[in-house]
Structures are given as C-alpha cells and as structure tokens.
Protein backbone atom coordinates (compact mmCIF):
# COMPACT_ATOMS: atom_id res chain seq x y z
CA MET A 1 13.76 -6.97 -34.51
CA MET A 2 11.18 -3.84 -34.95
CA LYS A 3 8.88 -5.97 -36.94
CA ILE A 4 8.65 -8.65 -33.98
CA GLY A 5 8.42 -5.80 -31.55
CA ASN A 6 5.58 -4.33 -33.53
CA ARG A 7 3.66 -7.78 -33.42
CA ILE A 8 4.31 -8.06 -29.75
CA LEU A 9 2.75 -4.43 -29.30
CA ARG A 10 -0.08 -5.16 -31.19
CA ALA A 11 -0.81 -8.53 -29.33
CA ALA A 12 -0.52 -6.43 -25.98
CA PHE A 13 -2.74 -3.60 -27.23
CA GLY A 14 -5.75 -6.10 -28.30
CA VAL A 15 -5.51 -7.41 -24.80
CA LEU A 16 -5.63 -3.82 -23.31
CA LEU A 17 -8.26 -2.33 -25.43
CA VAL A 18 -10.60 -5.35 -25.94
CA PHE A 19 -11.02 -5.68 -22.31
CA ALA A 20 -11.65 -2.19 -21.61
CA VAL A 21 -14.57 -2.05 -24.07
CA PHE A 22 -16.30 -4.96 -22.10
CA ALA A 23 -15.21 -4.32 -18.36
CA ALA A 24 -17.69 -3.84 -15.89
CA ALA A 25 -18.27 -0.70 -14.29
CA PRO A 26 -15.74 0.05 -11.66
CA SER A 27 -16.74 -0.34 -8.12
CA ALA A 28 -16.96 2.29 -5.34
CA SER A 29 -13.43 3.21 -3.61
CA ALA A 30 -12.07 4.72 -0.47
CA ALA A 31 -9.69 6.94 -2.45
CA THR A 32 -9.18 10.22 -0.71
CA PRO A 33 -10.01 12.91 -3.27
CA ILE A 34 -7.39 15.47 -4.16
CA GLU A 35 -8.68 19.12 -4.15
CA LEU A 36 -7.25 21.35 -7.23
CA THR A 37 -8.21 25.04 -7.26
CA ILE A 38 -7.30 26.51 -10.68
CA PRO A 39 -6.89 30.17 -11.51
CA ALA A 40 -9.83 32.21 -12.73
CA ASP A 41 -8.41 32.88 -16.21
CA ALA A 42 -6.74 29.23 -16.83
CA LYS A 43 -7.66 27.44 -19.95
CA GLU A 44 -5.79 24.40 -19.06
CA PHE A 45 -4.53 22.30 -16.29
CA THR A 46 -2.20 19.20 -15.91
CA VAL A 47 -2.00 15.92 -14.09
CA ASP A 48 1.48 14.12 -13.91
CA ILE A 49 1.06 10.37 -12.89
CA HIS A 50 4.00 8.58 -11.06
CA MET A 51 3.86 4.90 -10.66
CA ASN A 52 5.50 2.68 -8.41
CA GLU A 53 5.56 -0.97 -9.05
CA SER A 54 7.84 -3.81 -7.43
CA ARG A 55 7.29 -6.14 -10.42
CA ALA A 56 8.77 -5.28 -14.06
CA PHE A 57 6.12 -4.84 -16.65
CA GLY A 58 5.99 -3.63 -20.37
CA SER A 59 2.63 -1.92 -20.73
CA ALA A 60 0.38 0.13 -18.93
CA GLU A 61 -3.25 1.21 -19.96
CA PHE A 62 -5.55 3.64 -17.90
CA GLY A 63 -9.20 4.66 -17.89
CA LEU A 64 -10.39 7.92 -16.60
CA THR A 65 -13.87 9.42 -16.21
CA ALA A 66 -14.93 13.03 -16.23
CA GLU A 67 -18.18 14.10 -14.30
CA GLY A 68 -19.50 17.63 -14.29
CA ALA A 69 -17.94 20.36 -16.39
CA GLU A 70 -17.31 19.69 -20.06
CA LEU A 71 -13.83 19.08 -21.03
CA LYS A 72 -12.70 21.17 -24.28
CA SER A 73 -9.80 18.49 -24.92
CA VAL A 74 -7.81 15.68 -23.13
CA ARG A 75 -4.23 14.95 -24.19
CA TYR A 76 -1.62 12.45 -22.98
CA THR A 77 1.97 12.88 -23.11
CA LYS A 78 4.28 10.13 -22.39
CA GLY A 79 7.03 10.64 -19.48
CA ASP A 80 10.73 10.93 -20.75
CA ALA A 81 11.90 8.18 -18.66
CA LEU A 82 9.62 5.71 -20.78
CA GLY A 83 12.21 5.58 -23.74
CA GLY A 84 11.22 3.74 -26.56
CA ALA A 85 7.60 3.21 -25.48
CA VAL A 86 4.69 4.15 -27.53
CA SER A 87 1.48 5.15 -26.99
CA VAL A 88 -1.33 2.59 -26.97
CA ILE A 89 -3.78 4.81 -28.83
CA PRO A 90 -2.43 6.04 -32.08
CA ASP A 91 -4.48 9.17 -32.16
CA GLU A 92 -2.16 12.54 -32.05
CA SER A 93 -3.63 13.31 -28.56
CA GLY A 94 -2.94 9.79 -27.15
CA VAL A 95 -6.33 9.50 -25.99
CA SER A 96 -9.48 7.61 -26.95
CA PHE A 97 -12.97 8.29 -25.49
CA VAL A 98 -14.68 4.71 -25.16
CA ASP A 99 -17.69 3.56 -23.55
CA GLY A 100 -17.46 6.85 -21.26
CA ARG A 101 -13.91 6.49 -20.18
CA TYR A 102 -10.72 8.43 -21.69
CA LEU A 103 -8.23 5.58 -22.35
CA PHE A 104 -4.64 6.11 -22.78
CA GLY A 105 -1.15 4.38 -21.86
CA PHE A 106 1.98 3.47 -23.16
CA ALA A 107 3.77 0.09 -24.30
CA ASN A 108 7.09 -1.44 -24.75
CA ILE A 109 8.38 -4.77 -26.38
CA SER A 110 10.21 -5.74 -23.10
CA ASN A 111 9.41 -5.40 -19.48
CA SER A 112 11.32 -2.18 -19.01
CA TYR A 113 9.54 -0.50 -16.17
CA SER A 114 9.83 -1.25 -12.43
CA GLY A 115 10.01 1.00 -9.39
CA SER A 116 9.33 4.52 -9.77
CA VAL A 117 8.04 5.39 -13.03
CA ASP A 118 6.98 8.81 -14.71
CA ALA A 119 3.99 7.60 -16.67
CA GLY A 120 3.47 10.73 -18.09
CA LYS A 121 1.28 13.79 -18.28
CA LEU A 122 -2.65 14.50 -18.96
CA THR A 123 -3.45 18.22 -19.98
CA PHE A 124 -7.16 18.94 -19.83
CA GLY A 125 -8.69 21.71 -21.76
CA TYR A 126 -11.00 23.28 -19.04
CA GLU A 127 -12.96 26.82 -19.79
CA ASP A 128 -16.05 26.01 -17.66
CA ASP A 129 -16.76 27.35 -14.25
CA ALA A 130 -18.68 24.56 -13.12
CA PRO A 131 -16.76 21.95 -10.87
CA LEU A 132 -15.33 18.95 -12.34
CA THR A 133 -14.31 15.42 -10.93
CA LEU A 134 -11.92 13.11 -12.49
CA ARG A 135 -11.52 9.65 -11.50
CA LEU A 136 -8.94 7.12 -12.73
CA SER A 137 -10.69 3.88 -11.86
CA HIS A 138 -8.96 1.69 -14.61
CA MET A 139 -5.24 0.27 -14.84
CA LYS A 140 -4.00 -2.60 -16.40
CA LEU A 141 -0.59 -3.96 -16.62
CA VAL A 142 0.65 -6.20 -19.06
CA TYR A 143 3.84 -8.55 -18.45
CA LEU A 144 5.71 -10.33 -21.50
CA THR A 145 7.28 -13.48 -21.45
CA TYR A 146 9.54 -14.38 -24.36
CA LEU A 147 10.93 -17.51 -25.94
CA ALA A 148 14.91 -17.06 -26.23
CA ALA A 149 15.30 -19.03 -29.49
CA ASP A 150 13.39 -16.73 -31.72
CA GLY A 151 12.46 -13.61 -29.90
CA LYS A 152 8.82 -14.44 -30.08
CA TYR A 153 6.50 -13.66 -27.04
CA ALA A 154 5.20 -17.06 -25.25
CA GLU A 155 2.46 -15.48 -23.14
CA VAL A 156 1.22 -12.33 -22.43
CA GLU A 157 0.30 -12.05 -18.78
CA SER A 158 -2.04 -9.13 -17.55
CA ASP A 159 -3.15 -7.44 -13.88
CA LEU A 160 -6.50 -5.89 -14.04
CA ARG A 161 -6.96 -3.30 -11.28
CA ASP A 162 -10.40 -1.74 -11.75
CA TYR A 163 -10.83 0.60 -8.46
CA ASP A 164 -10.28 4.26 -7.79
CA HIS A 165 -6.56 4.97 -8.11
CA PHE A 166 -6.91 8.55 -7.66
CA VAL A 167 -9.95 11.25 -7.54
CA ILE A 168 -9.30 14.95 -8.33
CA ARG A 169 -11.89 17.54 -7.68
CA VAL A 170 -11.35 20.70 -9.93
CA VAL A 171 -12.90 23.70 -8.93
CA ARG A 172 -12.04 27.48 -10.88
CA ALA A 173 -11.13 30.11 -7.88
CA GLY A 174 -14.09 32.63 -7.54
CA ALA A 175 -16.46 30.37 -9.52
CA GLY A 176 -19.84 29.21 -8.12
CA GLY A 177 -20.42 28.41 -4.46
CA ASP A 178 -17.10 26.58 -4.19
CA SER A 179 -14.00 28.85 -3.97
CA GLY A 180 -15.81 31.65 -4.21
CA ASP A 181 -17.53 31.25 -0.77
CA PRO A 182 -15.46 33.28 1.74
CA ASP A 183 -16.24 30.64 4.43
CA ASN A 184 -15.29 27.71 2.11
CA PRO A 185 -11.72 26.23 2.90
CA ASN A 186 -10.84 26.03 -1.03
CA ASN A 187 -11.25 29.68 -1.14
CA PRO A 188 -7.77 31.29 -1.40
CA ASP A 189 -8.82 34.45 0.40
CA ASN A 190 -10.16 32.58 3.44
CA PRO A 191 -7.54 32.91 6.31
CA SER A 192 -8.04 29.18 7.24
CA ASN A 193 -7.16 28.22 3.69
CA PRO A 194 -3.43 26.06 3.95
CA GLY A 195 -2.75 28.17 0.86
CA ASN A 196 -3.53 31.65 2.16
CA PRO A 197 0.08 33.22 3.22
CA SER A 198 -2.00 34.68 6.30
CA ASN A 199 -2.57 31.39 7.60
CA PRO A 200 0.28 30.31 10.10
CA GLY A 201 0.16 26.65 8.80
CA ALA A 202 0.32 27.62 5.31
CA THR A 203 2.45 25.63 2.85
CA PRO A 204 4.36 27.66 0.02
CA GLY A 205 3.03 26.96 -3.41
CA GLY A 206 -0.18 25.73 -1.82
CA SER A 207 1.06 22.04 -1.94
CA GLY A 208 -0.63 19.28 -0.40
CA GLY A 209 -3.31 16.98 -1.71
CA GLY A 210 -4.38 13.79 -0.66
CA GLY A 211 -4.75 10.27 -1.79
CA GLY A 212 -1.34 9.95 -2.76
CA GLY A 213 -1.40 13.14 -4.67
CA SER A 214 0.06 16.52 -4.33
CA GLY A 215 -1.22 19.95 -5.93
CA SER A 216 -3.13 22.67 -4.75
CA GLY A 217 -4.81 20.78 -1.66
CA GLY A 218 -7.84 23.27 -2.22
CA GLY A 219 -5.37 25.99 -1.37
CA ALA A 220 -3.86 28.78 -3.52
CA PRO A 221 -4.75 28.39 -7.24
CA SER A 222 -2.48 25.93 -9.36
CA THR A 223 -2.82 24.57 -12.83
CA ALA A 224 -0.98 21.27 -12.02
CA VAL A 225 -1.31 18.27 -9.60
CA THR A 226 0.86 15.24 -9.16
CA VAL A 227 -0.76 11.70 -8.21
CA GLU A 228 1.06 8.69 -7.06
CA ILE A 229 -0.61 5.28 -8.09
CA GLY A 230 0.41 1.59 -7.14
CA GLU A 231 1.58 2.62 -3.62
CA ASP A 232 1.15 -0.38 -1.33
CA SER A 233 -1.92 1.20 0.42
CA THR A 234 -3.82 0.55 -2.82
CA PRO A 235 -6.01 -2.81 -2.93
CA LEU A 236 -5.59 -5.16 -5.76
CA ALA A 237 -8.62 -5.64 -8.13
CA ALA A 238 -11.32 -8.25 -6.89
CA GLY A 239 -10.93 -12.01 -7.92
CA ASN A 240 -7.45 -12.08 -6.72
CA GLU A 241 -8.16 -14.90 -4.15
CA GLY A 242 -5.21 -16.73 -2.58
CA ARG A 243 -3.21 -13.67 -2.84
CA SER A 244 -3.01 -10.45 -0.74
CA ALA A 245 -5.09 -7.34 -1.95
CA TYR A 246 -2.32 -5.07 -0.72
CA PHE A 247 1.15 -6.88 -1.26
CA ASP A 248 2.48 -8.54 -4.43
CA ASP A 249 4.83 -10.77 -2.73
CA VAL A 250 2.21 -12.36 -0.29
CA ALA A 251 0.87 -14.70 -3.23
CA ALA A 252 1.65 -18.35 -3.90
CA GLY A 253 2.43 -20.19 -1.11
CA TYR A 254 1.11 -17.62 1.35
CA ALA A 255 -2.58 -18.64 0.98
CA TRP A 256 -2.56 -19.45 4.56
CA ALA A 257 -1.52 -15.78 5.81
CA CYS A 258 -3.33 -13.69 2.92
CA LYS A 259 -6.39 -12.96 5.20
CA GLU A 260 -4.69 -12.16 8.23
CA ILE A 261 -2.02 -9.99 6.61
CA ASP A 262 -4.60 -7.78 4.83
CA ALA A 263 -6.91 -7.41 7.94
CA LEU A 264 -3.59 -6.51 10.07
CA TYR A 265 -2.71 -4.01 7.54
CA ALA A 266 -6.15 -2.59 7.13
CA ARG A 267 -6.11 -2.07 11.17
CA GLY A 268 -2.92 -0.43 10.96
CA VAL A 269 -0.99 -3.18 12.67
CA VAL A 270 1.49 -4.26 10.24
CA LYS A 271 2.89 -2.23 7.16
CA GLY A 272 4.98 -3.23 4.20
CA VAL A 273 8.78 -3.08 3.77
CA ALA A 274 8.45 -1.12 0.46
CA ALA A 275 5.72 -0.20 -1.97
CA ARG A 276 3.43 -3.46 -2.38
CA MET A 277 6.06 -5.44 -0.83
CA PHE A 278 5.61 -7.13 2.95
CA ASP A 279 8.62 -9.76 2.80
CA PRO A 280 6.67 -12.44 4.43
CA ALA A 281 9.73 -15.00 4.53
CA SER A 282 11.96 -12.79 6.69
CA ASN A 283 12.46 -13.16 10.23
CA ILE A 284 11.10 -10.65 12.56
CA THR A 285 12.94 -9.00 15.11
CA ARG A 286 12.28 -8.48 18.64
CA GLY A 287 11.73 -4.66 18.42
CA ASP A 288 9.31 -5.19 15.31
CA PHE A 289 7.29 -8.05 17.32
CA VAL A 290 6.73 -5.73 20.31
CA LEU A 291 5.90 -3.08 18.19
CA LEU A 292 2.93 -5.21 16.46
CA PHE A 293 1.81 -6.42 19.83
CA VAL A 294 1.67 -3.13 21.19
CA ARG A 295 -0.20 -1.82 18.18
CA ALA A 296 -2.62 -4.82 18.14
CA PHE A 297 -3.86 -4.68 21.48
CA GLY A 298 -3.76 -0.94 21.93
CA LEU A 299 -1.37 -1.19 25.05
CA GLU A 300 -0.63 1.89 26.99
CA ALA A 301 1.36 2.61 29.92
CA ALA A 302 3.49 5.64 31.03
CA PHE A 303 7.04 4.87 31.43
CA THR A 304 10.20 6.88 32.49
CA ASP A 305 12.86 4.78 31.29
CA ASN A 306 13.52 2.26 28.80
CA PHE A 307 16.62 -0.35 28.11
CA ASP A 308 19.87 1.14 27.24
CA ASP A 309 19.95 -0.36 23.51
CA VAL A 310 16.38 1.31 22.69
CA PRO A 311 17.54 4.89 22.10
CA PRO A 312 14.70 7.65 22.12
CA GLY A 313 13.82 8.34 18.33
CA LYS A 314 13.82 4.73 17.19
CA TYR A 315 10.30 3.86 15.87
CA TYR A 316 10.01 1.12 18.52
CA TYR A 317 11.15 3.01 21.46
CA GLU A 318 7.81 3.99 22.75
CA ALA A 319 6.49 0.42 22.10
CA ILE A 320 9.15 -1.41 24.00
CA GLY A 321 8.81 1.29 26.70
CA ILE A 322 5.29 0.54 27.30
CA ALA A 323 5.72 -3.38 27.24
CA LYS A 324 8.77 -2.93 29.45
CA ALA A 325 6.67 -1.01 31.92
CA LEU A 326 3.77 -3.45 31.84
CA GLY A 327 6.29 -6.27 32.34
CA VAL A 328 5.58 -7.72 29.01
CA ALA A 329 9.08 -7.21 27.49
CA GLU A 330 11.91 -8.67 29.32
CA GLY A 331 15.57 -8.19 28.23
CA TYR A 332 18.49 -10.18 28.30
CA SER A 333 19.47 -8.02 31.28
CA ALA A 334 17.81 -5.07 33.00
CA THR A 335 19.38 -2.75 30.56
CA GLU A 336 19.78 -4.86 27.29
CA PHE A 337 16.56 -5.80 24.95
CA ARG A 338 18.64 -6.71 21.45
CA PRO A 339 15.66 -5.06 19.37
CA ASP A 340 17.29 -5.67 16.20
CA ALA A 341 17.89 -9.31 16.92
CA TYR A 342 15.48 -12.03 15.25
CA ILE A 343 12.94 -13.14 17.98
CA SER A 344 12.83 -17.35 18.66
CA ARG A 345 9.86 -19.13 18.78
CA GLN A 346 10.12 -19.53 22.39
CA GLU A 347 11.02 -15.94 23.15
CA THR A 348 7.70 -15.19 21.07
CA ALA A 349 5.62 -17.52 23.40
CA ALA A 350 6.93 -16.10 26.36
CA LEU A 351 5.95 -12.41 25.58
CA ILE A 352 2.54 -13.60 24.36
CA TYR A 353 2.18 -15.40 27.68
CA ARG A 354 3.05 -12.31 29.80
CA ALA A 355 0.95 -9.90 27.51
CA MET A 356 -2.05 -12.07 27.74
CA ASN A 357 -1.92 -12.17 31.69
CA VAL A 358 -1.46 -8.29 31.74
CA ILE A 359 -4.48 -7.72 29.59
CA GLY A 360 -6.86 -10.14 31.39
CA LYS A 361 -6.86 -13.14 29.04
CA PRO A 362 -4.75 -15.74 30.63
CA PHE A 363 -4.12 -19.01 28.87
CA GLU A 364 -4.81 -22.24 30.51
CA GLU A 365 -1.79 -23.53 32.17
CA GLY A 366 -0.03 -26.56 30.31
CA ALA A 367 1.75 -29.62 31.50
CA GLU A 368 4.80 -31.41 30.91
CA ALA A 369 3.10 -33.75 28.69
CA ASP A 370 2.29 -30.74 26.26
CA THR A 371 5.94 -30.38 25.41
CA ALA A 372 6.46 -34.23 25.59
CA ALA A 373 4.36 -34.90 22.71
CA PHE A 374 7.23 -32.91 20.50
CA ALA A 375 10.59 -34.83 19.49
CA ASP A 376 12.32 -31.44 20.67
CA GLY A 377 10.15 -30.62 23.66
CA GLU A 378 13.02 -31.29 26.03
CA SER A 379 15.13 -28.35 24.30
CA VAL A 380 12.62 -25.45 25.30
CA ALA A 381 14.53 -23.04 27.55
CA GLU A 382 13.15 -22.97 31.16
CA TYR A 383 12.19 -19.50 31.35
CA ALA A 384 9.80 -20.36 28.19
CA ALA A 385 8.64 -23.57 29.51
CA SER A 386 5.41 -22.59 31.18
CA ALA A 387 4.42 -20.29 28.13
CA VAL A 388 5.24 -22.96 25.63
CA ARG A 389 3.15 -25.43 27.21
CA ALA A 390 0.24 -23.22 27.53
CA LEU A 391 0.29 -21.86 23.86
CA ILE A 392 0.44 -25.87 22.90
CA ARG A 393 -2.70 -26.52 25.01
CA ALA A 394 -4.34 -23.47 23.55
CA GLY A 395 -3.50 -24.19 20.16
CA VAL A 396 -1.55 -21.22 19.39
CA ILE A 397 1.48 -23.23 18.90
CA LYS A 398 1.13 -26.42 16.86
CA GLY A 399 4.49 -27.68 15.73
CA ASP A 400 6.16 -28.62 12.62
CA GLY A 401 6.44 -32.18 11.82
CA GLY A 402 6.77 -33.34 15.03
CA ASN A 403 8.74 -30.49 16.25
CA ILE A 404 8.37 -27.08 18.38
CA ASN A 405 11.62 -25.86 16.92
CA PRO A 406 11.58 -23.30 19.90
CA ARG A 407 14.97 -21.97 19.03
CA GLY A 408 13.92 -21.05 15.63
CA PHE A 409 13.14 -17.79 14.12
CA THR A 410 9.72 -16.36 13.56
CA THR A 411 8.63 -15.02 10.22
CA ARG A 412 6.73 -11.88 9.67
CA ALA A 413 3.92 -14.04 8.09
CA GLU A 414 3.83 -16.32 10.93
CA THR A 415 3.53 -13.27 13.55
CA ALA A 416 0.53 -11.81 11.49
CA VAL A 417 -1.21 -15.23 11.71
CA MET A 418 -0.50 -15.50 15.36
CA ILE A 419 -1.56 -12.15 16.20
CA TYR A 420 -4.67 -12.31 14.08
CA ARG A 421 -5.81 -15.40 16.06
CA LEU A 422 -4.88 -13.81 19.37
CA THR A 423 -7.10 -10.73 18.51
CA ASP A 424 -9.79 -13.05 17.11
CA GLY A 425 -9.69 -11.09 14.17
CA ASN A 426 -10.66 -7.83 15.56
C-alpha cells in the first residue's frame, strides 16, 4: 500500500511543481494587507495558515513572495491535523525557492481534508530593520480519484488559484519611519494605536488584522499572525468560465446564473450559506427574498412597528419593517408575515410589482391574454393576477415548459437572476 501511495504522491507533486515553475506572474488583487509589528529584539516571527474548503482534497501547494527586507530563513511545519501528509518539498526546511517564490505545501494519498484545516506554520528568520511585505499569491489544490479494483489513481484533478490570498506587511517596532513615528498609527506608543492600552478601543493582545487574518493589526508588537484562506470572499483564478468566481457549488448546470450571482455578491446583495457555498438550488424564504430586494434597491423608510412574527434582533427585521412601511411587504394578515416560509413564484411577482411602483419604475399593465397563453394561467391567485400579467409582459416571467407554475417555490439562483435583471445589472 505504501508503494502505491508513494507513486500517487510523486504524480501529484509532479503536477504541482512543474506548473509552479512555468506559471505566469500572479495578477494584482484587492486582498486587504495585514499589518504585523514585531518587537525590536525579535529574530523570528510566524504565520499560521488556516484553510476552509468545502470540497475534500488530497494535496495543497502554496507560493509566497517576499519584498523589501532580506529574510535569513523560511521554514514550513505541517499542521498536526494533517496526519499522514508529507511535505511537498523534501528539504528539511519544507521550503524551496523557485523563480522568486517560496514554495511549500503538503500531500496525502487520499482526499483527506475539507472544512476547516490547519495547514501548518511558516517561521521566518527576520533580523533586518527594513519593512517586509509577504504575499501568498499562488495556491493549488489536488483532488485524487481512484480505481477501486487495484488502488491506482485514475486521474489527478487540480484547481489553480493564482491571486493574492493574503498580504502581510511586517515592520519592526521603533525602526525607520514606520512604527517609530509617533504620529504613525502602527507605533505602539501612539495613543490612537488600537494596541495601546491607553486607547479606549484597544484590543487585549493587539489582535485584529485584516483580509481574513488576525495578528498585531498594526498594534502591540507580536511575533505571530494567523491567516485564513479559502473563504467565500476569495475569488477563483481566471479561466473558470461557466462557474462562479466565489462559490464552488455554482458551477455545472448554473452557467445561466453565474454572472448574476457573482455581480450581486460583489455588491453585497447576496451572501453565501457557508464558506464558498451558495446553495443555488434551495428555495428562498419570504424573509430572505425581502432582505435581498431591500438591499438591491437600497430601500429606506422609518417604521415603528413590524409583523408579530418578525421579532427584533432577527437579521431580516429591518428589511421587512422597511418593506412593510413602504407597502411592499404584505403579510398573510396584519400581524403575520411568515418570514421563514418559502416564497412562491406568484408571491414573488406581487412583491416585485408593488416594489417597482414604490421606486417609480412601474411595469406596463398586462392583460388576461398574458396568463391565458400558459396552460396553468388560470391557477394564478386573484391577489397576484395583475402582477403576474405585468411581469409576463415585461419578460421577467417566462414560464417553464408552457406553465407559469405560480404556486411553485423560487430558488436562490432564480432570485439572484431576477434581481439582477430588475436592477439592470447595476
């Protein structure tokens, strides 16, 4: 078994390392830099890497660049949770410097890792006083598929993600014009520094950071920082047409919704249900639909009451209150909205119809002939008939196989496409 395992590992390493040597330079990224101020006498600092992946994988390779100060050494130590994984670099340090990048990573003979994964620790020998910028701009995951008959691998599938996963700016306390400047927020002695105990907003231990990481946050000196990679806010590499740039489950079968979901996510209108997961096929609830609509159109209104089944503190409380005050959200009664119930297609139409009237973009009125063109047109409820006819005429509702399916539920993917079209993509 070990012999077979070694062969698989060698194949996986070949896929990883050959590509790393010839990969194009990574493009710029909007990764928010993490500021790390280390003590004046520190000779080393560490970076703990945590991953979050929804799909199980067997191997991961990373590439990191260093700009500015000279590094005396770089060592990689696997995380304890990686079990039987081996380093992809045979050197004792676990790191190899290739084409301007420090390469490191781990590999196993099975797809053993998913969810939250402690990927290991990097230890940097840093004795310079000059600032240093670390940039993790290369990551490659490998997924192994086996033939059950003899245990040999059938294929090796990889996912290349060449963009900035994190950027860490390192300065030494009291050195140069950075943390030594009394007016610089990175200076530990500056009262405005979040790591200074005299600052009312100080965080014990100087924790904070940004871009998915936590560390000194530019506050009190520290020799360690933790970074999170693989979150749903991290875009995939270019060249993944037909799939979402943010969500792994918006791929095959959802090409018709990828652009819309990504655009709304980038605008902060829609969010994932978990790391890199959108759950496009699930039905959307009445509360969530109203929340997305209010976000998308920036609806605002003062309100003093809400439905009895929409209690304060719920994430959709404000959105439903606004929609109710504007006359957009109508409940099953004056006191009952049923926010956690799935929303039907005709309910969606009625809400959209009312909302577009409120924002001054009313639809052209439809006619009975618009619903009569569908086999189930007569099944549309009376309260929603005008709305459904208007949306059919406007092309928002197109039907499915000759049916409107007015009492069917609306999925999260369908909702995203609908809202994107209504906002003209803006």
